[in-house]
């Protein structure tokens, strides 16, 4: 059994959060509008998620961690999203986020874009996840629906997950166009929260679309590194970077400040319907970029199987 630690986030009202985010985003984007709206039906285009919304007992899980990937890989670290749902006291949870695919299932290393309605007593799991890997044929991106080849709900090494009951309800809608600052969209949101709420950690998750423009995305190579990756430079030389085009549907998991659980405070993976996806770093077309997001503050944090030995390499 993996050790599970639990923490209660500070949960501002949606109206307060919308005001804080709008004010902060205007320092990083030419135009920003943040409001409280009804969550759109996420079973519809372009999302096609297995749940209608991101509301109902929202929580964040940080499972495993980068130290299980680098400097050297711990291949034995394999997890199951159905088990995670029980660990976070929400069996049947709808889970979104960013993680590593299980090399046990795939036979190679790859990026996982988890989108799973986990199993409950009444229903089996519905796995809408995607996997982004390096295409052996042309060394480009190979994006596939996970369920087209695999029947499990496993992942490996690490994941940052936003979980809820998958219900409709009120959410924060974020529109941001024309990036004027240096920060990417997710870092900007996180730093606004950290600056405003300080010692009171706020967690947030959901989904956003890069509607226009292009973005810098990485995909891990299929083979784990034979030599230890000891610095960020080592990691960046090992990763494969691409420029990918909109629309990209992204799943961010954000914690404003680590309350002492060795968290990855932001992590975002994305997929598309044109065959591109992976780990989001930054838009590469600041003048034309358009972001549209639906987010919700989480009530609880669950830290699952925290690595006993840690470092800060490879966390951006």
Foldseek 3Di string as FASTA:
>chain_A
DWDKDKDFFDADDQQVLQVLLLVLLVVWFVDKHKDKDKAQQQCDPPRVAPFGAQDAQKEKEKEADCVCQFLHHDLVFKDAVQVVCVSVVHRQKFKFWWAWARCVFVVFTWIKGWGKRPDDPVGHIDTQIKTWAQDPVPRHIFIDGPVVRDDGRMGGRIIMMIIRNRHIDMWMKMKGAFTDDDAAPQVSSLQSCCVVVPPRKWKKKFKKWFAFAKFKFKIAHGHRDPGGQDALVSVVVRIDIDIGTDGKMKIKIAINDDPPQPGLGIWMWIDGPVRDIHTTDHTPCRGGIIMITTMGIHGMYMYTNYDPDDDDHPRD
